[in-house]
C-alpha atoms as a PDB file:
ATOM      1  CA  MET A   1      -9.083   6.737   4.414  1.00  0.00           C
ATOM      2  CA  LYS A   2      -6.115   8.059   6.198  1.00  0.00           C
ATOM      3  CA  ASP A   3      -6.273   5.342   8.958  1.00  0.00           C
ATOM      4  CA  THR A   4      -6.620   2.621   6.720  1.00  0.00           C
ATOM      5  CA  LEU A   5      -3.471   3.471   5.309  1.00  0.00           C
ATOM      6  CA  LYS A   6      -1.421   2.646   8.343  1.00  0.00           C
ATOM      7  CA  LEU A   7      -0.051  -0.197   8.040  1.00  0.00           C
ATOM      8  CA  TYR A   8      -0.512  -1.289   3.959  1.00  0.00           C
ATOM      9  CA  PHE A   9       0.781  -4.895   2.940  1.00  0.00           C
ATOM     10  CA  VAL A  10       1.430  -5.423  -0.307  1.00  0.00           C
ATOM     11  CA  CYS A  11       2.207  -9.297  -1.425  1.00  0.00           C
ATOM     12  CA  GLY A  12       1.904 -11.381  -3.889  1.00  0.00           C
ATOM     13  CA  THR A  13       3.339 -15.368  -4.132  1.00  0.00           C
ATOM     14  CA  VAL A  14       7.054 -14.274  -5.592  1.00  0.00           C
ATOM     15  CA  ASP A  15       7.417 -12.489  -2.904  1.00  0.00           C
ATOM     16  CA  CYS A  16       6.798 -15.461  -0.079  1.00  0.00           C
ATOM     17  CA  SER A  17       9.545 -17.665   0.182  1.00  0.00           C
ATOM     18  CA  ARG A  18       9.401 -18.896   3.646  1.00  0.00           C
ATOM     19  CA  LYS A  19       5.662 -19.418   4.047  1.00  0.00           C
ATOM     20  CA  ASN A  20       2.633 -20.249   1.663  1.00  0.00           C
ATOM     21  CA  ILE A  21       0.965 -16.993   0.875  1.00  0.00           C
ATOM     22  CA  LEU A  22      -1.892 -17.521   3.138  1.00  0.00           C
ATOM     23  CA  THR A  23      -0.203 -18.006   5.568  1.00  0.00           C
ATOM     24  CA  VAL A  24       1.563 -14.958   5.172  1.00  0.00           C
ATOM     25  CA  VAL A  25      -0.933 -13.213   4.774  1.00  0.00           C
ATOM     26  CA  GLU A  26      -3.384 -14.561   7.627  1.00  0.00           C
ATOM     27  CA  GLU A  27      -0.465 -13.421  10.496  1.00  0.00           C
ATOM     28  CA  ALA A  28      -0.631 -10.199   9.118  1.00  0.00           C
ATOM     29  CA  LEU A  29      -3.568  -9.383   9.621  1.00  0.00           C
ATOM     30  CA  GLN A  30      -3.944 -11.338  13.568  1.00  0.00           C
ATOM     31  CA  ALA A  31      -0.697  -8.951  14.318  1.00  0.00           C
ATOM     32  CA  GLY A  32      -2.706  -5.512  12.905  1.00  0.00           C
ATOM     33  CA  ILE A  33      -2.096  -4.542   9.218  1.00  0.00           C
ATOM     34  CA  THR A  34      -5.255  -2.484   8.124  1.00  0.00           C
ATOM     35  CA  LEU A  35      -5.043  -2.861   4.362  1.00  0.00           C
ATOM     36  CA  PHE A  36      -3.691  -5.351   1.926  1.00  0.00           C
ATOM     37  CA  GLN A  37      -3.162  -5.836  -1.692  1.00  0.00           C
ATOM     38  CA  PHE A  38      -2.857  -8.800  -4.009  1.00  0.00           C
ATOM     39  CA  ARG A  39       0.349  -7.818  -6.564  1.00  0.00           C
ATOM     40  CA  GLU A  40       0.284 -10.742  -8.409  1.00  0.00           C
ATOM     41  CA  LYS A  41       3.595 -10.235 -10.757  1.00  0.00           C
ATOM     42  CA  GLY A  42       6.869 -11.615 -11.568  1.00  0.00           C
ATOM     43  CA  PHE A  43       8.513 -14.556 -13.437  1.00  0.00           C
ATOM     44  CA  THR A  44       6.566 -17.131 -11.590  1.00  0.00           C
ATOM     45  CA  ALA A  45       3.231 -15.305 -10.940  1.00  0.00           C
ATOM     46  CA  LEU A  46       0.091 -17.336 -10.800  1.00  0.00           C
ATOM     47  CA  GLN A  47      -2.017 -16.800 -14.021  1.00  0.00           C
ATOM     48  CA  GLY A  48      -5.867 -16.656 -15.133  1.00  0.00           C
ATOM     49  CA  LYS A  49      -7.614 -19.824 -13.030  1.00  0.00           C
ATOM     50  CA  GLU A  50      -5.010 -19.635 -10.274  1.00  0.00           C
ATOM     51  CA  LYS A  51      -4.579 -16.501  -9.377  1.00  0.00           C
ATOM     52  CA  ILE A  52      -8.264 -16.045  -9.371  1.00  0.00           C
ATOM     53  CA  ALA A  53      -8.902 -18.831  -7.213  1.00  0.00           C
ATOM     54  CA  MET A  54      -5.452 -16.943  -4.788  1.00  0.00           C
ATOM     55  CA  ALA A  55      -7.513 -13.826  -5.301  1.00  0.00           C
ATOM     56  CA  LYS A  56     -11.106 -15.610  -3.703  1.00  0.00           C
ATOM     57  CA  GLN A  57      -9.052 -17.268  -0.559  1.00  0.00           C
ATOM     58  CA  LEU A  58      -7.138 -14.052   0.044  1.00  0.00           C
ATOM     59  CA  GLN A  59     -10.576 -11.959  -0.311  1.00  0.00           C
ATOM     60  CA  ILE A  60     -12.062 -14.087   2.066  1.00  0.00           C
ATOM     61  CA  LEU A  61      -9.108 -13.484   4.689  1.00  0.00           C
ATOM     62  CA  CYS A  62      -9.642  -9.927   4.560  1.00  0.00           C
ATOM     63  CA  LYS A  63     -12.995  -9.652   5.264  1.00  0.00           C
ATOM     64  CA  GLN A  64     -12.583 -12.207   8.342  1.00  0.00           C
ATOM     65  CA  TYR A  65     -10.420  -9.604   9.210  1.00  0.00           C
ATOM     66  CA  GLN A  66     -12.564  -6.927   8.155  1.00  0.00           C
ATOM     67  CA  VAL A  67      -9.426  -5.693   6.254  1.00  0.00           C
ATOM     68  CA  PRO A  68     -10.422  -3.994   2.726  1.00  0.00           C
ATOM     69  CA  PHE A  69      -8.882  -5.916   0.210  1.00  0.00           C
ATOM     70  CA  ILE A  70      -7.166  -4.065  -3.115  1.00  0.00           C
ATOM     71  CA  ILE A  71      -5.666  -5.427  -6.206  1.00  0.00           C
ATOM     72  CA  ASP A  72      -2.779  -4.482  -7.873  1.00  0.00           C
ATOM     73  CA  ASP A  73      -3.387  -3.392 -12.073  1.00  0.00           C
ATOM     74  CA  ASP A  74      -6.176  -6.096 -12.437  1.00  0.00           C
ATOM     75  CA  ILE A  75      -9.355  -4.030 -12.879  1.00  0.00           C
ATOM     76  CA  ASP A  76     -11.207  -7.438 -14.391  1.00  0.00           C
ATOM     77  CA  LEU A  77     -10.388  -9.351 -11.421  1.00  0.00           C
ATOM     78  CA  VAL A  78     -11.986  -6.227  -9.329  1.00  0.00           C
ATOM     79  CA  GLU A  79     -14.797  -6.642 -10.866  1.00  0.00           C
ATOM     80  CA  LEU A  80     -14.987 -10.049 -11.106  1.00  0.00           C
ATOM     81  CA  ILE A  81     -14.371 -11.151  -7.693  1.00  0.00           C
ATOM     82  CA  ASP A  82     -16.134  -7.482  -6.394  1.00  0.00           C
ATOM     83  CA  ALA A  83     -12.715  -6.948  -4.878  1.00  0.00           C
ATOM     84  CA  ASP A  84     -12.619  -3.403  -2.418  1.00  0.00           C
ATOM     85  CA  GLY A  85     -10.502  -1.787  -4.594  1.00  0.00           C
ATOM     86  CA  LEU A  86      -7.860  -1.294  -7.223  1.00  0.00           C
ATOM     87  CA  HIS A  87      -4.392  -0.073  -7.367  1.00  0.00           C
ATOM     88  CA  ILE A  88      -2.383   1.235 -10.360  1.00  0.00           C
ATOM     89  CA  GLY A  89       0.870   3.037 -11.372  1.00  0.00           C
ATOM     90  CA  GLN A  90       0.963   5.806 -13.895  1.00  0.00           C
ATOM     91  CA  ASN A  91       1.652   3.744 -16.795  1.00  0.00           C
ATOM     92  CA  ASP A  92      -1.178   1.099 -16.533  1.00  0.00           C
ATOM     93  CA  LEU A  93      -5.214   1.850 -16.934  1.00  0.00           C
ATOM     94  CA  PRO A  94      -5.870   5.643 -16.762  1.00  0.00           C
ATOM     95  CA  VAL A  95      -7.484   6.507 -13.680  1.00  0.00           C
ATOM     96  CA  ASP A  96     -11.000   8.475 -15.403  1.00  0.00           C
ATOM     97  CA  GLU A  97     -11.862   5.024 -16.752  1.00  0.00           C
ATOM     98  CA  ALA A  98     -11.118   2.946 -13.573  1.00  0.00           C
ATOM     99  CA  ARG A  99     -13.220   4.900 -11.540  1.00  0.00           C
ATOM    100  CA  ARG A 100     -15.933   5.180 -14.789  1.00  0.00           C
ATOM    101  CA  ARG A 101     -16.158   1.122 -13.795  1.00  0.00           C
ATOM    102  CA  LEU A 102     -15.488   1.204 -10.630  1.00  0.00           C
ATOM    103  CA  PRO A 103     -17.640   3.925  -9.089  1.00  0.00           C
ATOM    104  CA  ASP A 104     -17.888   2.693  -5.456  1.00  0.00           C
ATOM    105  CA  LYS A 105     -14.842   1.567  -5.342  1.00  0.00           C
ATOM    106  CA  ILE A 106     -11.307   2.411  -3.523  1.00  0.00           C
ATOM    107  CA  ILE A 107      -8.722   3.698  -5.801  1.00  0.00           C
ATOM    108  CA  GLY A 108      -5.521   3.992  -5.373  1.00  0.00           C
ATOM    109  CA  LEU A 109      -2.816   5.834  -8.061  1.00  0.00           C
ATOM    110  CA  SER A 110       1.242   5.678  -7.865  1.00  0.00           C
ATOM    111  CA  VAL A 111       3.184   8.779  -7.586  1.00  0.00           C
ATOM    112  CA  SER A 112       7.234   9.041  -7.701  1.00  0.00           C
ATOM    113  CA  THR A 113       7.286  13.237  -8.392  1.00  0.00           C
ATOM    114  CA  MET A 114       6.064  15.911  -8.726  1.00  0.00           C
ATOM    115  CA  ALA A 115       5.329  15.897 -11.927  1.00  0.00           C
ATOM    116  CA  GLU A 116       3.796  12.444 -11.762  1.00  0.00           C
ATOM    117  CA  TYR A 117       1.532  14.282  -8.967  1.00  0.00           C
ATOM    118  CA  GLN A 118       0.718  17.313 -11.205  1.00  0.00           C
ATOM    119  CA  LYS A 119      -0.235  15.228 -14.233  1.00  0.00           C
ATOM    120  CA  SER A 120      -2.817  13.529 -12.395  1.00  0.00           C
ATOM    121  CA  GLN A 121      -6.313  12.756 -11.946  1.00  0.00           C
ATOM    122  CA  LEU A 122      -6.667  13.094  -8.069  1.00  0.00           C
ATOM    123  CA  SER A 123     -10.229  13.893  -7.723  1.00  0.00           C
ATOM    124  CA  VAL A 124     -10.994  10.577  -9.334  1.00  0.00           C
ATOM    125  CA  VAL A 125      -8.131   8.416  -6.521  1.00  0.00           C
ATOM    126  CA  ASP A 126      -8.784   7.840  -3.295  1.00  0.00           C
ATOM    127  CA  TYR A 127      -5.175   7.885  -2.103  1.00  0.00           C
ATOM    128  CA  ILE A 128      -1.699   8.535  -3.552  1.00  0.00           C
ATOM    129  CA  GLY A 129       0.941   5.681  -2.753  1.00  0.00           C
ATOM    130  CA  ILE A 130       4.520   7.869  -3.024  1.00  0.00           C
ATOM    131  CA  GLY A 131       7.503   6.206  -3.787  1.00  0.00           C
ATOM    132  CA  PRO A 132      10.128   4.342  -3.524  1.00  0.00           C
ATOM    133  CA  PHE A 133      11.299   5.807  -0.261  1.00  0.00           C
ATOM    134  CA  ASN A 134      14.366   3.675  -0.628  1.00  0.00           C
ATOM    135  CA  PRO A 135      16.493   0.781  -3.091  1.00  0.00           C
ATOM    136  CA  THR A 136      13.909  -1.695  -3.323  1.00  0.00           C
ATOM    137  CA  GLN A 137      14.441  -5.757  -4.726  1.00  0.00           C
ATOM    138  CA  SER A 138      10.659  -6.132  -4.322  1.00  0.00           C
ATOM    139  CA  LYS A 139       9.631  -4.225  -7.744  1.00  0.00           C
ATOM    140  CA  ALA A 140      11.557  -5.037 -11.143  1.00  0.00           C
ATOM    141  CA  ASP A 141      10.211  -1.755 -12.583  1.00  0.00           C
ATOM    142  CA  ALA A 142      10.771   0.304  -9.131  1.00  0.00           C
ATOM    143  CA  LYS A 143      11.634   4.049  -9.959  1.00  0.00           C
ATOM    144  CA  PRO A 144      14.888   5.790  -8.582  1.00  0.00           C
ATOM    145  CA  ALA A 145      14.255   6.299  -4.858  1.00  0.00           C
ATOM    146  CA  VAL A 146      12.675   9.671  -3.755  1.00  0.00           C
ATOM    147  CA  GLY A 147      12.706   9.634   0.164  1.00  0.00           C
ATOM    148  CA  ASN A 148      10.427  12.040   1.918  1.00  0.00           C
ATOM    149  CA  ARG A 149      10.666  14.752  -0.919  1.00  0.00           C
ATOM    150  CA  THR A 150       8.040  13.801  -2.819  1.00  0.00           C
ATOM    151  CA  THR A 151       6.029  13.390   0.326  1.00  0.00           C
ATOM    152  CA  LYS A 152       6.758  16.920   1.617  1.00  0.00           C
ATOM    153  CA  ALA A 153       6.447  18.496  -1.430  1.00  0.00           C
ATOM    154  CA  VAL A 154       2.947  17.566  -1.789  1.00  0.00           C
ATOM    155  CA  ARG A 155       2.079  17.773   1.490  1.00  0.00           C
ATOM    156  CA  GLU A 156       2.811  21.986   1.292  1.00  0.00           C
ATOM    157  CA  ILE A 157       0.053  22.148  -1.140  1.00  0.00           C
ATOM    158  CA  ASN A 158      -2.158  19.370   0.055  1.00  0.00           C
ATOM    159  CA  GLN A 159      -3.204  18.769   3.132  1.00  0.00           C
ATOM    160  CA  ASP A 160      -6.364  16.472   2.384  1.00  0.00           C
ATOM    161  CA  ILE A 161      -4.762  13.528   0.036  1.00  0.00           C
ATOM    162  CA  PRO A 162      -4.650  10.321   1.649  1.00  0.00           C
ATOM    163  CA  ILE A 163      -0.498   9.358   1.032  1.00  0.00           C
ATOM    164  CA  VAL A 164       0.717   6.263   2.049  1.00  0.00           C
ATOM    165  CA  ALA A 165       4.866   6.342   1.599  1.00  0.00           C
ATOM    166  CA  ILE A 166       6.345   2.942   0.090  1.00  0.00           C
ATOM    167  CA  GLY A 167       9.888   1.027  -1.005  1.00  0.00           C
ATOM    168  CA  GLY A 168      12.263  -0.630   0.958  1.00  0.00           C
ATOM    169  CA  ILE A 169      10.735   0.670   4.337  1.00  0.00           C
ATOM    170  CA  THR A 170      12.056  -0.615   7.457  1.00  0.00           C
ATOM    171  CA  SER A 171      10.864   0.424  11.191  1.00  0.00           C
ATOM    172  CA  ASP A 172      13.974   2.490  11.391  1.00  0.00           C
ATOM    173  CA  PHE A 173      12.182   5.465   8.846  1.00  0.00           C
ATOM    174  CA  VAL A 174       8.033   5.226  10.023  1.00  0.00           C
ATOM    175  CA  HIS A 175       9.146   8.659  12.087  1.00  0.00           C
ATOM    176  CA  ASP A 176      10.654  10.206   9.607  1.00  0.00           C
ATOM    177  CA  ILE A 177       8.326   9.162   7.194  1.00  0.00           C
ATOM    178  CA  ILE A 178       4.941  10.202   9.253  1.00  0.00           C
ATOM    179  CA  GLU A 179       6.890  13.448  10.104  1.00  0.00           C
ATOM    180  CA  SER A 180       7.036  14.203   6.686  1.00  0.00           C
ATOM    181  CA  GLY A 181       3.382  14.262   6.222  1.00  0.00           C
ATOM    182  CA  ALA A 182       2.475  10.387   5.202  1.00  0.00           C
ATOM    183  CA  ASP A 183      -0.496   9.080   6.901  1.00  0.00           C
ATOM    184  CA  GLY A 184       0.758   5.489   6.907  1.00  0.00           C
ATOM    185  CA  ILE A 185       3.390   2.873   4.783  1.00  0.00           C
ATOM    186  CA  ALA A 186       2.979   0.272   2.769  1.00  0.00           C
ATOM    187  CA  VAL A 187       5.152  -2.260   3.063  1.00  0.00           C
ATOM    188  CA  ILE A 188       6.412  -5.925   1.488  1.00  0.00           C
ATOM    189  CA  SER A 189       9.141  -7.767   2.343  1.00  0.00           C
ATOM    190  CA  ALA A 190       9.344  -6.169   5.664  1.00  0.00           C
ATOM    191  CA  ILE A 191       6.557  -8.662   6.448  1.00  0.00           C
ATOM    192  CA  SER A 192       6.749 -11.355   4.276  1.00  0.00           C
ATOM    193  CA  LYS A 193      10.544 -12.017   4.055  1.00  0.00           C
ATOM    194  CA  ALA A 194      10.078 -11.305   8.322  1.00  0.00           C
ATOM    195  CA  ASN A 195      11.460 -14.381  10.357  1.00  0.00           C
ATOM    196  CA  HIS A 196       8.841 -13.661  12.702  1.00  0.00           C
ATOM    197  CA  ILE A 197       6.439 -12.199  10.787  1.00  0.00           C
ATOM    198  CA  VAL A 198       3.309 -11.381  13.591  1.00  0.00           C
ATOM    199  CA  ASP A 199       6.365  -9.760  15.457  1.00  0.00           C
ATOM    200  CA  ALA A 200       7.750  -7.691  12.423  1.00  0.00           C
ATOM    201  CA  THR A 201       3.932  -6.673  11.813  1.00  0.00           C
ATOM    202  CA  ARG A 202       3.115  -5.500  15.394  1.00  0.00           C
ATOM    203  CA  GLN A 203       6.187  -3.363  15.385  1.00  0.00           C
ATOM    204  CA  LEU A 204       5.599  -1.984  12.811  1.00  0.00           C
ATOM    205  CA  ARG A 205       2.425  -1.055  13.524  1.00  0.00           C
ATOM    206  CA  TYR A 206       3.181   0.452  17.101  1.00  0.00           C
ATOM    207  CA  GLU A 207       5.934   2.456  15.211  1.00  0.00           C
ATOM    208  CA  VAL A 208       3.659   4.114  13.151  1.00  0.00           C
ATOM    209  CA  GLU A 209       0.748   4.407  16.064  1.00  0.00           C
ATOM    210  CA  LYS A 210       4.144   6.300  18.161  1.00  0.00           C
ATOM    211  CA  ALA A 211       5.008   8.344  14.850  1.00  0.00           C
ATOM    212  CA  LEU A 212       1.314   9.617  14.210  1.00  0.00           C
ATOM    213  CA  VAL A 213       0.875  10.407  18.066  1.00  0.00           C
ATOM    214  CA  ASN A 214       3.907  12.671  18.172  1.00  0.00           C
ATOM    215  CA  ARG A 215       3.103  14.152  15.386  1.00  0.00           C
ATOM    216  CA  GLN A 216      -0.283  15.187  16.273  1.00  0.00           C
ATOM    217  CA  LYS A 217       1.131  16.831  19.347  1.00  0.00           C
ATOM    218  CA  HIS A 218       3.692  18.467  17.361  1.00  0.00           C
ATOM    219  CA  SER A 219       0.812  19.713  15.470  1.00  0.00           C
ATOM    220  CA  ASP A 220      -0.663  20.990  18.856  1.00  0.00           C
ATOM    221  CA  VAL A 221       1.991  22.752  19.889  1.00  0.00           C
ATOM    222  CA  THR A 222       2.743  25.006  16.996  1.00  0.00           C
ATOM    223  CA  LYS A 223      -0.933  25.836  16.533  1.00  0.00           C
END
């Protein structure tokens, strides 16, 4: 799972002002994202049959590139189209209920603070998304930025759980994020609002891979 989290692209139609979401996602897939989440929220978000139809089209694209397709906070849609997994927040469907309904799917959980981490049923989730790293405009309900604090604290007590950092992340922050213990980054606007999506995606993937190599070298030296 950790390798799958290297470059996690989260996107919905409301995040794509420059191009159609299908074009944005396909370019990101071509350029090296390792996981995709369809997060369709906001005032102008698709609903009902339109949302289902879009999810199916995005799922087809992800299958073509062999990238897992995750849906945010809509377990019924995951079941309906047989998506690869579900991502939920602290105030969404309880994770034990999600696991009961999705025994073989990827389940991710958002965590912001150590208090949230400690109260979460981590035995039934496949990864945690920690953030927001920086203040972000992509989520209207975003919590205060936590930087690397929570990631470092979690890694001190749990070396095994897959962690992806999210929230206001650009390539400038990748090294510090990976150094703190995250296995990858999740981004929205860094890709969806980029002038050149392929170039932006490749740069992010390059920075993640470089940071992971550097962390491993440092780990080998200190053993």
